[in-house]
Amino acid sequence: MTIAVALAVGSRRSARTAAMYHVERHFRNVRIVASSDRVEFRGLDRVWDGQWRGLGVLVLTDEILYFRLADRNMDLSVPVSRIDEVRVDGEGDGRRMAGGRCQIRVGYRAFDDQPRTATWSVRDATRWKELILDAVEGKK
């Protein structure tokens, strides 16, 4: 049992390291405003988005909010110019998650111009909100 737990933890850490390596290569010559490799993607508020949920890496640049799942070859890129709304759930509303995390919800217009909402569970969600809004303001 102990060996299985150790292998699962090691595998998760290895997947997170591989995802972070991919992100670092992808954004090699780009200024990264913020990043975290311990983010849980909660979904796109759509029925079929279960395949997207999981742990991964969240990155904000001056141009893009980017998420890469750690254990699957899936990513989400949202140009900051398409972000319409950013809010934090869990601040004083009794919905704070385990580990003191709040959820950050980002409303944006997808490439088909349909409104979408992506949700992440992340530490220091208020800081992420401020940084994303600063990036959006810089694109106006």
N, C-alpha and C. Protein backbone atom coordinates (compact mmCIF):
# COMPACT_ATOMS: atom_id res chain seq x y z
N MET A 1 0.82 -1.19 0.00
CA MET A 1 0.00 0.00 0.00
C MET A 1 0.87 1.25 0.00
N THR A 2 1.90 1.27 0.84
CA THR A 2 2.80 2.42 0.92
C THR A 2 3.51 2.64 -0.41
N ILE A 3 3.92 1.57 -1.05
CA ILE A 3 4.60 1.68 -2.34
C ILE A 3 3.66 2.25 -3.38
N ALA A 4 2.40 1.84 -3.40
CA ALA A 4 1.43 2.35 -4.36
C ALA A 4 1.21 3.84 -4.17
N VAL A 5 1.12 4.28 -2.91
CA VAL A 5 0.94 5.71 -2.63
C VAL A 5 2.18 6.49 -3.09
N ALA A 6 3.35 5.97 -2.80
CA ALA A 6 4.59 6.63 -3.21
C ALA A 6 4.68 6.73 -4.73
N LEU A 7 4.29 5.66 -5.44
CA LEU A 7 4.31 5.70 -6.90
C LEU A 7 3.30 6.70 -7.45
N ALA A 8 2.12 6.78 -6.84
CA ALA A 8 1.10 7.73 -7.30
C ALA A 8 1.57 9.16 -7.10
N VAL A 9 2.15 9.44 -5.93
CA VAL A 9 2.65 10.79 -5.65
C VAL A 9 3.81 11.12 -6.59
N GLY A 10 4.71 10.17 -6.78
CA GLY A 10 5.84 10.38 -7.69
C GLY A 10 5.39 10.59 -9.12
N SER A 11 4.39 9.83 -9.55
CA SER A 11 3.85 9.98 -10.90
C SER A 11 3.20 11.34 -11.08
N ARG A 12 2.45 11.80 -10.09
CA ARG A 12 1.81 13.11 -10.17
C ARG A 12 2.86 14.22 -10.23
N ARG A 13 3.89 14.09 -9.41
CA ARG A 13 4.96 15.09 -9.39
C ARG A 13 5.68 15.09 -10.73
N SER A 14 5.93 13.90 -11.29
CA SER A 14 6.58 13.79 -12.58
C SER A 14 5.74 14.43 -13.69
N ALA A 15 4.41 14.20 -13.67
CA ALA A 15 3.52 14.81 -14.66
C ALA A 15 3.53 16.32 -14.53
N ARG A 16 3.53 16.82 -13.28
CA ARG A 16 3.57 18.27 -13.06
C ARG A 16 4.88 18.86 -13.57
N THR A 17 5.98 18.16 -13.33
CA THR A 17 7.29 18.62 -13.81
C THR A 17 7.31 18.65 -15.34
N ALA A 18 6.77 17.61 -15.97
CA ALA A 18 6.73 17.57 -17.44
C ALA A 18 5.87 18.69 -18.00
N ALA A 19 4.72 18.97 -17.36
CA ALA A 19 3.86 20.06 -17.82
C ALA A 19 4.57 21.40 -17.66
N MET A 20 5.28 21.59 -16.54
CA MET A 20 6.00 22.85 -16.33
C MET A 20 7.12 22.99 -17.36
N TYR A 21 7.80 21.90 -17.69
CA TYR A 21 8.85 21.94 -18.70
C TYR A 21 8.25 22.35 -20.05
N HIS A 22 7.11 21.78 -20.42
CA HIS A 22 6.44 22.14 -21.67
C HIS A 22 6.10 23.63 -21.69
N VAL A 23 5.57 24.13 -20.58
CA VAL A 23 5.20 25.55 -20.50
C VAL A 23 6.44 26.44 -20.61
N GLU A 24 7.51 26.07 -19.93
CA GLU A 24 8.74 26.88 -20.00
C GLU A 24 9.28 26.92 -21.42
N ARG A 25 9.22 25.80 -22.14
CA ARG A 25 9.66 25.77 -23.55
C ARG A 25 8.74 26.61 -24.41
N HIS A 26 7.43 26.48 -24.18
CA HIS A 26 6.42 27.19 -24.98
C HIS A 26 6.55 28.71 -24.84
N PHE A 27 6.89 29.16 -23.64
CA PHE A 27 6.97 30.60 -23.36
C PHE A 27 8.41 31.05 -23.12
N ARG A 28 9.35 30.41 -23.82
CA ARG A 28 10.77 30.66 -23.60
C ARG A 28 11.15 32.14 -23.70
N ASN A 29 10.66 32.83 -24.70
CA ASN A 29 11.06 34.23 -24.92
C ASN A 29 9.92 35.20 -24.61
N VAL A 30 9.03 34.81 -23.72
CA VAL A 30 7.87 35.62 -23.39
C VAL A 30 7.92 35.98 -21.90
N ARG A 31 7.57 37.22 -21.59
CA ARG A 31 7.55 37.64 -20.19
C ARG A 31 6.34 36.99 -19.50
N ILE A 32 6.62 36.22 -18.46
CA ILE A 32 5.56 35.59 -17.68
C ILE A 32 5.24 36.48 -16.49
N VAL A 33 3.98 36.90 -16.41
CA VAL A 33 3.52 37.78 -15.34
C VAL A 33 3.31 36.96 -14.06
N ALA A 34 2.70 35.79 -14.20
CA ALA A 34 2.45 34.92 -13.05
C ALA A 34 2.35 33.48 -13.53
N SER A 35 2.70 32.54 -12.65
CA SER A 35 2.54 31.13 -12.98
C SER A 35 2.39 30.32 -11.69
N SER A 36 1.73 29.20 -11.82
CA SER A 36 1.60 28.27 -10.71
C SER A 36 1.45 26.87 -11.28
N ASP A 37 2.17 25.92 -10.68
CA ASP A 37 2.08 24.54 -11.16
C ASP A 37 1.20 23.68 -10.25
N ARG A 38 0.46 24.32 -9.36
CA ARG A 38 -0.44 23.59 -8.44
C ARG A 38 -1.85 24.17 -8.55
N VAL A 39 -2.40 24.08 -9.73
CA VAL A 39 -3.71 24.64 -10.01
C VAL A 39 -4.65 23.52 -10.43
N GLU A 40 -5.87 23.58 -9.94
CA GLU A 40 -6.87 22.60 -10.34
C GLU A 40 -7.88 23.26 -11.26
N PHE A 41 -7.96 22.76 -12.47
CA PHE A 41 -8.95 23.27 -13.43
C PHE A 41 -10.28 22.63 -13.09
N ARG A 42 -11.30 23.45 -12.82
CA ARG A 42 -12.61 22.98 -12.40
C ARG A 42 -13.59 22.85 -13.55
N GLY A 43 -13.24 23.39 -14.72
CA GLY A 43 -14.09 23.19 -15.88
C GLY A 43 -14.46 24.47 -16.61
N LEU A 44 -15.28 24.26 -17.64
CA LEU A 44 -15.72 25.34 -18.52
C LEU A 44 -17.22 25.60 -18.39
N ASP A 45 -17.83 25.15 -17.30
CA ASP A 45 -19.27 25.29 -17.09
C ASP A 45 -20.08 24.70 -18.23
N ARG A 46 -19.60 23.57 -18.73
CA ARG A 46 -20.30 22.87 -19.81
C ARG A 46 -20.44 21.41 -19.42
N VAL A 47 -21.46 20.76 -19.93
CA VAL A 47 -21.74 19.38 -19.57
C VAL A 47 -20.59 18.44 -19.95
N TRP A 48 -19.99 18.66 -21.09
CA TRP A 48 -18.99 17.72 -21.62
C TRP A 48 -17.57 17.98 -21.14
N ASP A 49 -17.35 18.94 -20.25
CA ASP A 49 -15.98 19.36 -19.95
C ASP A 49 -15.26 18.50 -18.91
N GLY A 50 -15.83 17.37 -18.51
CA GLY A 50 -15.19 16.52 -17.52
C GLY A 50 -13.79 16.08 -17.92
N GLN A 51 -13.55 15.90 -19.21
CA GLN A 51 -12.22 15.50 -19.68
C GLN A 51 -11.16 16.57 -19.42
N TRP A 52 -11.60 17.80 -19.23
CA TRP A 52 -10.67 18.90 -19.01
C TRP A 52 -10.27 19.07 -17.56
N ARG A 53 -11.03 18.55 -16.64
CA ARG A 53 -10.77 18.81 -15.24
C ARG A 53 -9.52 18.09 -14.77
N GLY A 54 -8.77 18.76 -13.91
CA GLY A 54 -7.58 18.14 -13.35
C GLY A 54 -6.53 19.15 -12.95
N LEU A 55 -5.41 18.65 -12.46
CA LEU A 55 -4.31 19.49 -12.01
C LEU A 55 -3.42 19.88 -13.18
N GLY A 56 -2.83 21.06 -13.07
CA GLY A 56 -1.94 21.49 -14.13
C GLY A 56 -1.24 22.80 -13.81
N VAL A 57 -0.80 23.46 -14.86
CA VAL A 57 -0.01 24.68 -14.77
C VAL A 57 -0.82 25.83 -15.36
N LEU A 58 -0.91 26.93 -14.61
CA LEU A 58 -1.59 28.14 -15.08
C LEU A 58 -0.54 29.22 -15.25
N VAL A 59 -0.57 29.88 -16.42
CA VAL A 59 0.42 30.91 -16.74
C VAL A 59 -0.31 32.13 -17.28
N LEU A 60 0.13 33.30 -16.85
CA LEU A 60 -0.37 34.56 -17.39
C LEU A 60 0.80 35.32 -17.99
N THR A 61 0.64 35.70 -19.26
CA THR A 61 1.60 36.59 -19.91
C THR A 61 0.86 37.90 -20.19
N ASP A 62 1.53 38.82 -20.85
CA ASP A 62 0.87 40.08 -21.22
C ASP A 62 -0.20 39.84 -22.28
N GLU A 63 -0.14 38.71 -22.97
CA GLU A 63 -1.05 38.43 -24.09
C GLU A 63 -2.05 37.30 -23.85
N ILE A 64 -1.68 36.32 -23.02
CA ILE A 64 -2.46 35.08 -22.93
C ILE A 64 -2.57 34.59 -21.49
N LEU A 65 -3.74 34.04 -21.17
CA LEU A 65 -3.92 33.22 -19.97
C LEU A 65 -3.91 31.78 -20.47
N TYR A 66 -2.98 30.99 -19.98
CA TYR A 66 -2.73 29.66 -20.53
C TYR A 66 -2.78 28.62 -19.42
N PHE A 67 -3.44 27.50 -19.70
CA PHE A 67 -3.48 26.39 -18.76
C PHE A 67 -3.11 25.11 -19.48
N ARG A 68 -2.29 24.29 -18.84
CA ARG A 68 -1.90 22.99 -19.39
C ARG A 68 -2.14 21.93 -18.33
N LEU A 69 -2.92 20.91 -18.68
CA LEU A 69 -3.13 19.79 -17.77
C LEU A 69 -1.83 19.04 -17.57
N ALA A 70 -1.59 18.58 -16.35
CA ALA A 70 -0.35 17.89 -16.05
C ALA A 70 -0.34 16.47 -16.57
N ASP A 71 -1.47 15.79 -16.53
CA ASP A 71 -1.45 14.37 -16.86
C ASP A 71 -2.01 14.05 -18.25
N ARG A 72 -2.38 15.05 -19.01
CA ARG A 72 -2.89 14.85 -20.37
C ARG A 72 -2.36 15.94 -21.29
N ASN A 73 -2.28 15.65 -22.55
CA ASN A 73 -1.77 16.60 -23.52
C ASN A 73 -2.92 17.53 -23.97
N MET A 74 -3.43 18.32 -23.02
CA MET A 74 -4.52 19.25 -23.31
C MET A 74 -4.16 20.60 -22.71
N ASP A 75 -4.46 21.64 -23.47
CA ASP A 75 -4.23 22.98 -22.94
C ASP A 75 -5.35 23.92 -23.38
N LEU A 76 -5.42 25.06 -22.71
CA LEU A 76 -6.40 26.09 -22.99
C LEU A 76 -5.67 27.42 -23.04
N SER A 77 -5.83 28.15 -24.14
CA SER A 77 -5.24 29.48 -24.29
C SER A 77 -6.35 30.49 -24.46
N VAL A 78 -6.35 31.50 -23.60
CA VAL A 78 -7.33 32.56 -23.68
C VAL A 78 -6.59 33.87 -23.87
N PRO A 79 -6.69 34.48 -25.06
CA PRO A 79 -6.07 35.80 -25.25
C PRO A 79 -6.68 36.80 -24.25
N VAL A 80 -5.86 37.59 -23.58
CA VAL A 80 -6.39 38.52 -22.59
C VAL A 80 -7.33 39.54 -23.23
N SER A 81 -7.16 39.81 -24.52
CA SER A 81 -8.05 40.75 -25.21
C SER A 81 -9.48 40.21 -25.31
N ARG A 82 -9.69 38.91 -25.09
CA ARG A 82 -11.02 38.30 -25.17
C ARG A 82 -11.66 38.09 -23.79
N ILE A 83 -10.95 38.47 -22.73
CA ILE A 83 -11.47 38.30 -21.38
C ILE A 83 -12.43 39.45 -21.06
N ASP A 84 -13.65 39.06 -20.62
CA ASP A 84 -14.68 40.05 -20.31
C ASP A 84 -14.87 40.24 -18.80
N GLU A 85 -14.61 39.21 -18.02
CA GLU A 85 -14.91 39.27 -16.59
C GLU A 85 -13.97 38.35 -15.83
N VAL A 86 -13.58 38.78 -14.64
CA VAL A 86 -12.78 37.95 -13.73
C VAL A 86 -13.37 38.13 -12.34
N ARG A 87 -13.68 37.00 -11.69
CA ARG A 87 -14.18 37.11 -10.32
C ARG A 87 -13.63 35.97 -9.47
N VAL A 88 -13.68 36.18 -8.18
CA VAL A 88 -13.19 35.19 -7.23
C VAL A 88 -14.36 34.69 -6.40
N ASP A 89 -14.54 33.39 -6.36
CA ASP A 89 -15.53 32.76 -5.48
C ASP A 89 -14.79 32.18 -4.29
N GLY A 90 -15.33 32.38 -3.10
CA GLY A 90 -14.72 31.82 -1.91
C GLY A 90 -14.17 32.86 -0.96
N GLU A 91 -14.20 34.14 -1.34
CA GLU A 91 -13.73 35.20 -0.47
C GLU A 91 -14.89 35.67 0.40
N GLY A 92 -14.93 35.20 1.63
CA GLY A 92 -15.95 35.67 2.55
C GLY A 92 -17.36 35.17 2.26
N ASP A 93 -17.51 34.28 1.30
CA ASP A 93 -18.86 33.78 0.99
C ASP A 93 -19.07 32.35 1.50
N GLY A 94 -18.10 31.85 2.30
CA GLY A 94 -18.24 30.53 2.88
C GLY A 94 -17.93 29.39 1.92
N ARG A 95 -17.45 29.69 0.72
CA ARG A 95 -17.21 28.63 -0.27
C ARG A 95 -15.72 28.37 -0.48
N ARG A 96 -14.91 28.77 0.47
CA ARG A 96 -13.48 28.51 0.36
C ARG A 96 -13.25 27.01 0.36
N MET A 97 -12.34 26.54 -0.50
CA MET A 97 -12.10 25.11 -0.65
C MET A 97 -11.01 24.65 0.32
N ALA A 98 -10.77 23.36 0.35
CA ALA A 98 -9.72 22.79 1.20
C ALA A 98 -8.38 23.44 0.87
N GLY A 99 -7.58 23.63 1.87
CA GLY A 99 -6.27 24.23 1.67
C GLY A 99 -6.33 25.74 1.53
N GLY A 100 -7.48 26.34 1.83
CA GLY A 100 -7.61 27.79 1.77
C GLY A 100 -7.72 28.34 0.37
N ARG A 101 -7.98 27.50 -0.61
CA ARG A 101 -8.05 27.95 -1.99
C ARG A 101 -9.41 28.53 -2.32
N CYS A 102 -9.40 29.49 -3.19
CA CYS A 102 -10.62 30.05 -3.75
C CYS A 102 -10.66 29.69 -5.22
N GLN A 103 -11.81 29.89 -5.82
CA GLN A 103 -11.92 29.65 -7.25
C GLN A 103 -11.89 30.98 -7.98
N ILE A 104 -11.12 31.01 -9.06
CA ILE A 104 -11.12 32.17 -9.93
C ILE A 104 -11.89 31.79 -11.19
N ARG A 105 -12.84 32.65 -11.56
CA ARG A 105 -13.68 32.40 -12.73
C ARG A 105 -13.38 33.48 -13.76
N VAL A 106 -13.04 33.03 -14.96
CA VAL A 106 -12.68 33.95 -16.04
C VAL A 106 -13.71 33.81 -17.16
N GLY A 107 -14.46 34.87 -17.39
CA GLY A 107 -15.41 34.90 -18.50
C GLY A 107 -14.73 35.47 -19.73
N TYR A 108 -14.89 34.80 -20.86
CA TYR A 108 -14.23 35.24 -22.08
C TYR A 108 -15.07 34.88 -23.30
N ARG A 109 -14.72 35.48 -24.41
CA ARG A 109 -15.36 35.15 -25.69
C ARG A 109 -14.45 34.16 -26.41
N ALA A 110 -15.00 32.99 -26.71
CA ALA A 110 -14.23 31.96 -27.41
C ALA A 110 -14.03 32.40 -28.86
N PHE A 111 -13.27 31.62 -29.61
CA PHE A 111 -12.98 31.97 -30.99
C PHE A 111 -14.22 31.95 -31.88
N ASP A 112 -15.27 31.25 -31.42
CA ASP A 112 -16.53 31.27 -32.16
C ASP A 112 -17.45 32.39 -31.66
N ASP A 113 -16.89 33.30 -30.85
CA ASP A 113 -17.58 34.45 -30.25
C ASP A 113 -18.66 34.07 -29.24
N GLN A 114 -18.68 32.82 -28.80
CA GLN A 114 -19.61 32.39 -27.77
C GLN A 114 -18.99 32.68 -26.40
N PRO A 115 -19.80 33.13 -25.44
CA PRO A 115 -19.26 33.37 -24.09
C PRO A 115 -18.95 32.05 -23.39
N ARG A 116 -17.82 32.01 -22.72
CA ARG A 116 -17.40 30.83 -21.97
C ARG A 116 -16.90 31.30 -20.60
N THR A 117 -16.87 30.38 -19.67
CA THR A 117 -16.32 30.65 -18.34
C THR A 117 -15.41 29.50 -17.96
N ALA A 118 -14.17 29.82 -17.65
CA ALA A 118 -13.21 28.82 -17.18
C ALA A 118 -13.00 29.06 -15.69
N THR A 119 -12.91 27.97 -14.93
CA THR A 119 -12.78 28.08 -13.47
C THR A 119 -11.58 27.27 -12.99
N TRP A 120 -10.78 27.91 -12.15
CA TRP A 120 -9.63 27.25 -11.54
C TRP A 120 -9.69 27.41 -10.04
N SER A 121 -9.20 26.42 -9.32
CA SER A 121 -8.96 26.51 -7.89
C SER A 121 -7.48 26.82 -7.73
N VAL A 122 -7.20 27.96 -7.11
CA VAL A 122 -5.81 28.42 -7.07
C VAL A 122 -5.55 29.18 -5.77
N ARG A 123 -4.34 29.06 -5.27
CA ARG A 123 -3.94 29.87 -4.11
C ARG A 123 -3.80 31.33 -4.56
N ASP A 124 -4.11 32.21 -3.64
CA ASP A 124 -3.98 33.65 -3.88
C ASP A 124 -4.80 34.09 -5.10
N ALA A 125 -6.04 33.68 -5.12
CA ALA A 125 -6.93 33.98 -6.25
C ALA A 125 -7.13 35.48 -6.44
N THR A 126 -7.14 36.24 -5.36
CA THR A 126 -7.32 37.69 -5.47
C THR A 126 -6.15 38.30 -6.24
N ARG A 127 -4.95 37.85 -5.97
CA ARG A 127 -3.77 38.35 -6.71
C ARG A 127 -3.88 38.00 -8.18
N TRP A 128 -4.29 36.76 -8.49
CA TRP A 128 -4.47 36.35 -9.89
C TRP A 128 -5.50 37.24 -10.57
N LYS A 129 -6.60 37.50 -9.88
CA LYS A 129 -7.64 38.37 -10.45
C LYS A 129 -7.07 39.74 -10.80
N GLU A 130 -6.34 40.34 -9.88
CA GLU A 130 -5.75 41.66 -10.12
C GLU A 130 -4.78 41.64 -11.29
N LEU A 131 -3.94 40.61 -11.37
CA LEU A 131 -2.97 40.52 -12.46
C LEU A 131 -3.66 40.33 -13.81
N ILE A 132 -4.70 39.50 -13.85
CA ILE A 132 -5.43 39.29 -15.11
C ILE A 132 -6.11 40.58 -15.53
N LEU A 133 -6.75 41.26 -14.57
CA LEU A 133 -7.42 42.53 -14.92
C LEU A 133 -6.42 43.58 -15.39
N ASP A 134 -5.24 43.61 -14.79
CA ASP A 134 -4.17 44.53 -15.25
C ASP A 134 -3.78 44.21 -16.69
N ALA A 135 -3.64 42.93 -17.00
CA ALA A 135 -3.28 42.52 -18.37
C ALA A 135 -4.38 42.92 -19.36
N VAL A 136 -5.63 42.74 -18.93
CA VAL A 136 -6.76 43.11 -19.80
C VAL A 136 -6.76 44.62 -20.04
N GLU A 137 -6.54 45.39 -19.01
CA GLU A 137 -6.49 46.85 -19.14
C GLU A 137 -5.35 47.29 -20.07
N GLY A 138 -4.25 46.56 -20.01
CA GLY A 138 -3.11 46.88 -20.88
C GLY A 138 -3.41 46.61 -22.36
N LYS A 139 -4.43 45.82 -22.65
CA LYS A 139 -4.79 45.49 -24.04
C LYS A 139 -5.89 46.38 -24.59
N LYS A 140 -6.43 47.23 -23.75
CA LYS A 140 -7.53 48.11 -24.24
C LYS A 140 -6.99 49.37 -24.88
